[in-house]
Amino acid sequence: MKVYLIGVGMGNPDLLTREAERAILGSGLLLGAERLLAEFAGLDIPRKPLVKPGDIAAALANWDGEQASVLLSGDIGFYSGAKSLYPLLDGYEVVSLPGVSSLSYFCAKCHIPWQDVHSISCHGRDGGIVSAVQSHGKTFALTGGAFRVEQLCRQLADAGLGRLPAWAGEWLSYPNERILRSTVAELAEQRFENLAVLLVENPHPVQPEFQAPGLPDDVFLRGKVPMTKEEVRALVVSKLRLRSRDVVWDVGAGTGSVSVECALRVPEGSVCAVERKPEAVSLIRQNRDKFKLSNIYLTEGKAPACLENLPAPDRVFVGGSGGQLRGIVAAALEKNAAVRIVVSAITLETLTAALDVMKQFRFQETEVVQVSVSRSAPVGSYHMMKAENPVYLLSMERPT
């Protein structure tokens, strides 16, 4: 038996390719969602409204014709049921015919090139709309179920992204098609159908200017607040072993330089900058705004008490503990027993306390590194190396 998997676009039969139309007319059975089959009600071809891959495979197994077509919404390679059908159709002659996807159709309607659009599906699931938008210049989302356009826009607005330009579309390709262009915040106040699409443009996505960590010290606003120096900061980020979706705590964040470095490297994650000194809190906010980082969340207060309401961390950097290192580590472990922690120590007392913490909490993977950096400084017409204070970096983790 020959089985055609046909992408029929959004539903309007005018979007069918000629090849797809010939395949449908030559079939003895049509399978697919009722909405898609309705467009071919005038044909003298038996139709079975089925959606689940297992049900479609069973219907084909119980049919003894020569050619059948399975109608699939949009394009068969773009969040399509074809992916689940392929393994169930072993033994059939399967022919796949692409269709017009909602992504290409919608972008064409909005006069937006889509070769650089990041696409996600929030149709009945959390597709991570906030992390996608904050880390990409253009993000397209399929919506539906509990994650309709207005709900997704509320999530974005709550994350501080409400002013971004956005386009929403519903009933694509049908006579009652509706496409709106507005801001995220304004779209959050609208109401949309269950099956709709959303495209958000972010002119300043979270992306590092350099591939390696270690931004120049002079790009940060500093004031009189101590700051982790460039070379040490680069090593801190390296020792944290960041992944794009990580949640990071930066405890004792100071100017926020480490928070900025981490935020640039977890574009789909977030950084919780924790600081108790008002001047430093102000600088963190200014540096966050300077780099336009929407994934840095500021918590003002003294650790460990203020850590209680923070999300579970994947990585923790302790740049300043205020003598509460044990409590900070305990708070992180309580939320995630497999968290990776990096502590910087300048004084021998902090180094001793960090070593004690390693033993008390029985970390199995530990490392201590001393960083000694010297920089050239002019002396008359000559240059000499001037040593910075040595810094100890202690890394600790419990393997999962």
Protein backbone atom coordinates (compact mmCIF):
# COMPACT_ATOMS: atom_id res chain seq x y z
CA MET A 1 0.00 0.00 0.00
CA LYS A 2 1.14 3.54 -0.76
CA VAL A 3 0.57 6.04 2.06
CA TYR A 4 0.89 9.76 1.49
CA LEU A 5 1.68 12.06 4.41
CA ILE A 6 0.47 15.41 3.17
CA GLY A 7 1.04 18.83 4.65
CA VAL A 8 -2.13 20.73 3.76
CA GLY A 9 -1.14 24.10 5.19
CA MET A 10 -3.38 25.84 7.70
CA GLY A 11 -6.55 24.29 6.24
CA ASN A 12 -7.46 26.37 3.22
CA PRO A 13 -7.22 23.99 0.21
CA ASP A 14 -5.89 26.85 -1.92
CA LEU A 15 -2.53 26.30 -0.18
CA LEU A 16 -2.19 22.73 -1.45
CA THR A 17 0.57 21.94 -3.91
CA ARG A 18 -0.53 20.37 -7.18
CA GLU A 19 1.28 17.17 -6.26
CA ALA A 20 -0.63 17.00 -2.95
CA GLU A 21 -3.92 17.60 -4.74
CA ARG A 22 -3.23 14.75 -7.19
CA ALA A 23 -2.33 12.42 -4.31
CA ILE A 24 -5.58 13.20 -2.50
CA LEU A 25 -7.71 12.71 -5.63
CA GLY A 26 -6.00 9.38 -6.28
CA SER A 27 -6.55 8.03 -2.77
CA GLY A 28 -9.22 5.61 -1.65
CA LEU A 29 -9.14 6.80 1.98
CA LEU A 30 -8.46 10.13 3.71
CA LEU A 31 -7.37 10.29 7.35
CA GLY A 32 -6.70 13.31 9.55
CA ALA A 33 -8.22 15.91 11.83
CA GLU A 34 -11.88 16.62 11.21
CA ARG A 35 -11.11 20.29 10.49
CA LEU A 36 -8.80 19.30 7.65
CA LEU A 37 -11.08 16.62 6.22
CA ALA A 38 -14.02 19.04 6.10
CA GLU A 39 -12.37 20.92 3.25
CA PHE A 40 -12.66 17.78 1.09
CA ALA A 41 -16.24 16.85 1.96
CA GLY A 42 -17.27 17.32 -1.66
CA LEU A 43 -15.05 14.49 -2.86
CA ASP A 44 -16.41 10.97 -3.24
CA ILE A 45 -13.66 9.55 -1.03
CA PRO A 46 -14.22 7.87 2.37
CA ARG A 47 -12.92 9.98 5.28
CA LYS A 48 -12.03 9.00 8.84
CA PRO A 49 -11.40 11.80 11.39
CA LEU A 50 -8.39 10.50 13.31
CA VAL A 51 -5.55 12.39 15.00
CA LYS A 52 -3.58 10.00 17.21
CA PRO A 53 -0.75 8.22 15.36
CA GLY A 54 -1.73 4.84 16.80
CA ASP A 55 -5.32 5.22 15.62
CA ILE A 56 -4.17 6.24 12.13
CA ALA A 57 -1.80 3.26 11.92
CA ALA A 58 -4.58 0.91 13.05
CA ALA A 59 -7.01 2.28 10.46
CA LEU A 60 -4.46 1.75 7.71
CA ALA A 61 -3.76 -1.80 8.90
CA ASN A 62 -7.49 -2.62 8.73
CA TRP A 63 -7.94 -1.19 5.23
CA ASP A 64 -7.13 -3.17 2.10
CA GLY A 65 -6.96 -0.40 -0.49
CA GLU A 66 -3.99 0.59 -2.61
CA GLN A 67 -3.49 4.27 -1.74
CA ALA A 68 -4.40 6.36 1.30
CA SER A 69 -3.59 9.91 2.35
CA VAL A 70 -3.03 11.25 5.84
CA LEU A 71 -3.73 14.98 6.01
CA LEU A 72 -1.55 16.92 8.44
CA SER A 73 -1.78 20.58 9.38
CA GLY A 74 0.86 22.98 8.09
CA ASP A 75 4.09 21.35 6.95
CA ILE A 76 4.98 17.75 7.82
CA GLY A 77 8.42 18.80 9.04
CA PHE A 78 7.29 21.58 11.39
CA TYR A 79 5.85 20.34 14.72
CA SER A 80 3.83 17.77 12.82
CA GLY A 81 2.32 14.42 13.71
CA ALA A 82 4.33 12.95 10.85
CA LYS A 83 7.28 12.51 13.21
CA SER A 84 5.34 10.00 15.33
CA LEU A 85 3.78 8.31 12.31
CA TYR A 86 6.97 7.36 10.50
CA PRO A 87 7.97 4.52 12.90
CA LEU A 88 4.42 3.10 12.71
CA LEU A 89 4.33 2.89 8.92
CA ASP A 90 7.14 0.39 8.42
CA GLY A 91 6.20 -1.91 5.55
CA TYR A 92 4.23 0.70 3.60
CA GLU A 93 5.45 2.78 0.70
CA VAL A 94 5.43 6.16 2.41
CA VAL A 95 5.52 9.35 0.35
CA SER A 96 5.92 12.66 2.20
CA LEU A 97 4.62 15.86 0.62
CA PRO A 98 5.51 19.15 2.36
CA GLY A 99 3.02 21.95 2.81
CA VAL A 100 2.95 25.62 3.73
CA SER A 101 3.83 25.98 7.42
CA SER A 102 2.19 28.51 9.70
CA LEU A 103 5.66 29.99 10.22
CA SER A 104 6.32 30.73 6.55
CA TYR A 105 2.73 31.81 5.90
CA PHE A 106 2.55 34.16 8.88
CA CYS A 107 5.94 35.75 8.26
CA ALA A 108 4.99 36.34 4.64
CA LYS A 109 1.79 38.06 5.77
CA CYS A 110 3.81 40.24 8.16
CA HIS A 111 6.52 40.95 5.56
CA ILE A 112 9.16 39.42 7.84
CA PRO A 113 11.97 37.16 6.54
CA TRP A 114 11.94 33.95 8.55
CA GLN A 115 15.36 32.42 7.88
CA ASP A 116 16.60 33.77 11.23
CA VAL A 117 13.44 33.17 13.26
CA HIS A 118 13.68 30.91 16.32
CA SER A 119 10.58 28.69 16.50
CA ILE A 120 9.01 26.94 19.49
CA SER A 121 5.75 25.16 20.22
CA CYS A 122 3.61 26.25 23.17
CA HIS A 123 0.62 24.31 21.92
CA GLY A 124 -0.56 22.57 25.07
CA ARG A 125 2.85 22.78 26.73
CA ASP A 126 5.29 25.22 28.25
CA GLY A 127 7.67 25.97 25.41
CA GLY A 128 9.79 28.40 27.44
CA ILE A 129 8.58 31.57 25.77
CA VAL A 130 10.44 33.96 28.10
CA SER A 131 13.83 32.32 27.68
CA ALA A 132 13.33 32.01 23.92
CA VAL A 133 12.41 35.67 23.45
CA GLN A 134 15.15 37.05 25.68
CA SER A 135 17.82 35.07 23.83
CA HIS A 136 16.72 35.48 20.18
CA GLY A 137 16.13 38.40 17.86
CA LYS A 138 12.88 36.93 16.50
CA THR A 139 10.81 34.18 18.13
CA PHE A 140 7.79 32.43 16.61
CA ALA A 141 5.46 30.37 18.82
CA LEU A 142 2.60 28.01 18.09
CA THR A 143 0.00 28.47 20.82
CA GLY A 144 -3.00 26.59 22.18
CA GLY A 145 -4.56 24.96 25.20
CA ALA A 146 -3.44 26.60 28.45
CA PHE A 147 -0.80 28.58 26.58
CA ARG A 148 -2.74 30.95 24.35
CA VAL A 149 -1.33 34.15 22.89
CA GLU A 150 -2.58 36.34 25.74
CA GLN A 151 -1.18 34.01 28.43
CA LEU A 152 2.23 33.91 26.75
CA CYS A 153 2.27 37.70 26.41
CA ARG A 154 1.47 38.05 30.12
CA GLN A 155 4.46 35.84 30.93
CA LEU A 156 6.66 38.05 28.77
CA ALA A 157 5.29 41.26 30.28
CA ASP A 158 5.85 39.94 33.81
CA ALA A 159 9.49 39.29 32.83
CA GLY A 160 9.95 42.91 31.78
CA LEU A 161 9.53 42.30 28.05
CA GLY A 162 6.16 43.98 27.62
CA ARG A 163 7.42 46.77 25.36
CA LEU A 164 8.74 44.47 22.64
CA PRO A 165 6.95 44.58 19.27
CA ALA A 166 4.86 41.51 18.52
CA TRP A 167 2.51 40.07 15.91
CA ALA A 168 -0.34 37.63 16.60
CA GLY A 169 -2.44 35.72 14.11
CA GLU A 170 -5.50 33.47 14.24
CA TRP A 171 -7.61 31.61 11.67
CA LEU A 172 -4.68 31.80 9.27
CA SER A 173 -5.65 31.30 5.62
CA TYR A 174 -9.40 31.34 6.37
CA PRO A 175 -11.84 34.16 5.41
CA ASN A 176 -11.98 35.36 9.04
CA GLU A 177 -8.18 35.53 9.37
CA ARG A 178 -7.01 38.13 11.90
CA ILE A 179 -3.46 39.47 12.26
CA LEU A 180 -2.54 42.10 14.85
CA ARG A 181 0.67 44.06 15.31
CA SER A 182 1.22 45.70 18.69
CA THR A 183 3.39 45.44 21.79
CA VAL A 184 3.58 42.35 23.97
CA ALA A 185 1.82 44.18 26.82
CA GLU A 186 -1.06 45.29 24.60
CA LEU A 187 -1.54 41.83 23.10
CA ALA A 188 -1.76 40.45 26.65
CA GLU A 189 -5.03 42.38 27.02
CA GLN A 190 -6.56 40.87 23.87
CA ARG A 191 -8.35 37.53 23.45
CA PHE A 192 -7.32 34.96 20.85
CA GLU A 193 -8.59 31.65 19.53
CA ASN A 194 -7.18 28.37 20.77
CA LEU A 195 -5.09 27.80 17.63
CA ALA A 196 -3.09 30.97 17.00
CA VAL A 197 0.51 32.05 16.48
CA LEU A 198 2.75 34.68 18.03
CA LEU A 199 5.92 36.34 16.77
CA VAL A 200 8.00 38.58 19.05
CA GLU A 201 10.95 40.72 17.99
CA ASN A 202 13.75 41.50 20.47
CA PRO A 203 16.29 44.03 19.16
CA HIS A 204 18.63 43.35 22.10
CA PRO A 205 18.71 39.59 22.75
CA VAL A 206 20.95 38.13 25.44
CA GLN A 207 24.08 37.29 23.49
CA PRO A 208 27.75 37.59 24.48
CA GLU A 209 29.85 39.95 22.41
CA PHE A 210 32.83 37.63 22.86
CA GLN A 211 32.79 33.85 22.87
CA ALA A 212 35.13 33.60 25.86
CA PRO A 213 34.25 35.07 29.29
CA GLY A 214 36.20 37.96 30.75
CA LEU A 215 34.69 41.29 29.72
CA PRO A 216 37.06 44.25 30.19
CA ASP A 217 36.79 45.77 33.66
CA ASP A 218 36.19 49.26 32.28
CA VAL A 219 32.88 48.30 30.61
CA PHE A 220 31.26 47.99 34.04
CA LEU A 221 29.96 50.79 36.24
CA ARG A 222 31.90 50.37 39.48
CA GLY A 223 31.65 53.22 41.97
CA LYS A 224 33.42 52.33 45.19
CA VAL A 225 32.11 48.78 45.32
CA PRO A 226 34.72 45.97 45.05
CA MET A 227 34.57 44.06 41.78
CA THR A 228 35.84 40.65 40.71
CA LYS A 229 38.63 41.45 38.27
CA GLU A 230 38.52 40.45 34.60
CA GLU A 231 40.97 37.52 34.72
CA VAL A 232 39.47 36.06 37.89
CA ARG A 233 35.96 36.57 36.56
CA ALA A 234 36.80 34.62 33.42
CA LEU A 235 38.03 31.71 35.55
CA VAL A 236 34.96 31.89 37.81
CA VAL A 237 32.64 31.54 34.81
CA SER A 238 34.76 28.67 33.51
CA LYS A 239 34.64 26.85 36.86
CA LEU A 240 30.86 27.25 37.07
CA ARG A 241 30.53 25.17 33.87
CA LEU A 242 27.42 27.01 32.78
CA ARG A 243 24.76 25.59 30.48
CA SER A 244 22.31 27.68 28.46
CA ARG A 245 19.26 26.88 30.64
CA ASP A 246 20.91 27.07 34.06
CA VAL A 247 19.53 28.99 37.01
CA VAL A 248 22.46 30.77 38.68
CA TRP A 249 22.75 32.39 42.10
CA ASP A 250 25.35 35.14 42.43
CA VAL A 251 25.54 35.70 46.17
CA GLY A 252 27.35 38.85 47.26
CA ALA A 253 27.06 40.13 43.70
CA GLY A 254 28.85 43.46 44.29
CA THR A 255 28.76 45.45 41.06
CA GLY A 256 27.04 42.59 39.22
CA SER A 257 29.99 41.87 36.92
CA VAL A 258 29.79 38.10 37.49
CA SER A 259 26.00 38.25 37.13
CA VAL A 260 26.40 39.94 33.75
CA GLU A 261 28.98 37.39 32.57
CA CYS A 262 26.75 34.51 33.66
CA ALA A 263 23.57 36.01 32.19
CA LEU A 264 25.25 36.29 28.80
CA ARG A 265 26.07 32.58 28.92
CA VAL A 266 22.71 31.30 30.15
CA PRO A 267 20.47 33.02 27.58
CA GLU A 268 17.66 30.55 28.21
CA GLY A 269 18.22 30.54 31.96
CA SER A 270 18.34 33.18 34.66
CA VAL A 271 20.68 34.77 37.19
CA CYS A 272 19.59 35.72 40.69
CA ALA A 273 21.90 38.50 41.89
CA VAL A 274 21.86 38.71 45.70
CA GLU A 275 23.30 41.76 47.47
CA ARG A 276 22.69 43.54 50.79
CA LYS A 277 24.55 46.85 50.32
CA PRO A 278 22.37 49.64 48.82
CA GLU A 279 25.18 51.16 46.73
CA ALA A 280 26.02 47.77 45.24
CA VAL A 281 22.34 47.03 44.57
CA SER A 282 22.11 50.26 42.60
CA LEU A 283 25.20 49.34 40.56
CA ILE A 284 23.87 45.87 39.77
CA ARG A 285 20.69 47.44 38.48
CA GLN A 286 22.65 49.93 36.36
CA ASN A 287 24.95 47.29 34.89
CA ARG A 288 22.00 45.02 34.15
CA ASP A 289 20.28 47.85 32.29
CA LYS A 290 23.50 48.83 30.49
CA PHE A 291 23.83 45.34 29.02
CA LYS A 292 20.04 45.10 28.47
CA LEU A 293 19.85 41.77 30.29
CA SER A 294 16.30 40.75 31.09
CA ASN A 295 17.39 37.46 32.69
CA ILE A 296 19.06 39.03 35.77
CA TYR A 297 16.74 39.17 38.78
CA LEU A 298 17.86 41.27 41.73
CA THR A 299 17.29 40.24 45.34
CA GLU A 300 18.18 42.80 47.99
CA GLY A 301 18.86 41.33 51.40
CA LYS A 302 21.23 39.37 53.58
CA ALA A 303 21.96 35.74 52.77
CA PRO A 304 20.99 33.09 53.66
CA ALA A 305 17.66 34.51 54.89
CA CYS A 306 16.82 36.13 51.53
CA LEU A 307 17.50 32.94 49.55
CA GLU A 308 14.36 31.14 50.69
CA ASN A 309 12.11 32.37 47.86
CA LEU A 310 14.64 32.02 45.05
CA PRO A 311 14.24 29.26 42.43
CA ALA A 312 16.34 26.12 42.81
CA PRO A 313 19.84 26.84 41.50
CA ASP A 314 21.89 24.77 39.10
CA ARG A 315 25.00 26.85 39.80
CA VAL A 316 25.98 29.12 42.69
CA PHE A 317 28.80 31.63 42.91
CA VAL A 318 29.59 33.07 46.32
CA GLY A 319 31.62 36.22 45.89
CA GLY A 320 30.82 37.54 49.35
CA SER A 321 29.28 35.57 52.19
CA GLY A 322 29.29 38.06 55.07
CA GLY A 323 30.48 35.23 57.32
CA GLN A 324 27.43 33.09 56.42
CA LEU A 325 29.01 30.69 53.95
CA ARG A 326 27.75 27.56 55.67
CA GLY A 327 24.16 28.82 55.67
CA ILE A 328 24.36 29.87 52.02
CA VAL A 329 25.65 26.45 50.95
CA ALA A 330 23.01 24.70 53.05
CA ALA A 331 20.24 26.79 51.45
CA ALA A 332 21.47 25.92 47.96
CA LEU A 333 21.76 22.20 48.73
CA GLU A 334 18.28 22.14 50.24
CA LYS A 335 16.85 23.29 46.91
CA ASN A 336 19.14 21.18 44.70
CA ALA A 337 21.37 18.46 46.16
CA ALA A 338 23.32 18.30 42.88
CA VAL A 339 24.08 22.03 42.67
CA ARG A 340 27.59 23.11 41.63
CA ILE A 341 29.10 25.81 43.86
CA VAL A 342 32.11 28.06 43.31
CA VAL A 343 33.42 30.21 46.17
CA SER A 344 35.99 32.98 45.88
CA ALA A 345 38.17 33.67 48.91
CA ILE A 346 40.64 36.50 49.40
CA THR A 347 41.34 36.07 53.11
CA LEU A 348 42.74 32.96 54.74
CA GLU A 349 39.77 32.93 57.11
CA THR A 350 37.32 32.64 54.19
CA LEU A 351 39.51 29.95 52.62
CA THR A 352 39.45 27.97 55.87
CA ALA A 353 35.69 28.35 56.17
CA ALA A 354 35.20 27.14 52.59
CA LEU A 355 37.40 24.10 53.17
CA ASP A 356 35.40 23.27 56.28
CA VAL A 357 32.17 23.52 54.27
CA MET A 358 33.54 21.07 51.73
CA LYS A 359 34.10 18.54 54.51
CA GLN A 360 30.90 19.21 56.45
CA PHE A 361 28.63 18.70 53.46
CA ARG A 362 30.68 15.81 52.07
CA PHE A 363 31.18 17.16 48.57
CA GLN A 364 32.69 14.43 46.42
CA GLU A 365 34.06 16.56 43.58
CA THR A 366 36.20 19.39 44.94
CA GLU A 367 38.95 21.63 43.66
CA VAL A 368 40.97 24.52 45.05
CA VAL A 369 42.79 26.90 42.71
CA GLN A 370 44.93 29.90 43.65
CA VAL A 371 44.88 32.69 41.07
CA SER A 372 47.78 35.15 41.05
CA VAL A 373 47.54 37.91 38.45
CA SER A 374 50.09 40.60 37.70
CA ARG A 375 49.48 43.53 35.39
CA SER A 376 51.90 45.88 33.74
CA ALA A 377 52.10 49.43 35.09
CA PRO A 378 54.15 52.36 33.73
CA VAL A 379 57.15 53.49 35.77
CA GLY A 380 58.55 56.52 34.03
CA SER A 381 59.47 55.38 30.53
CA TYR A 382 59.47 51.73 31.59
CA HIS A 383 56.87 49.16 32.60
CA MET A 384 56.86 46.85 35.59
CA MET A 385 54.53 44.08 36.65
CA LYS A 386 52.25 44.94 39.56
CA ALA A 387 50.75 42.02 41.45
CA GLU A 388 47.07 41.85 42.35
CA ASN A 389 45.96 40.15 45.56
CA PRO A 390 45.88 36.35 45.13
CA VAL A 391 42.42 34.81 45.01
CA TYR A 392 41.38 31.27 45.92
CA LEU A 393 38.60 29.64 43.91
CA LEU A 394 36.97 26.59 45.48
CA SER A 395 34.69 24.41 43.36
CA MET A 396 32.44 21.78 44.90
CA GLU A 397 29.75 19.45 43.61
CA ARG A 398 27.94 16.24 44.42
CA PRO A 399 27.58 14.10 41.29
CA THR A 400 24.04 13.01 40.49
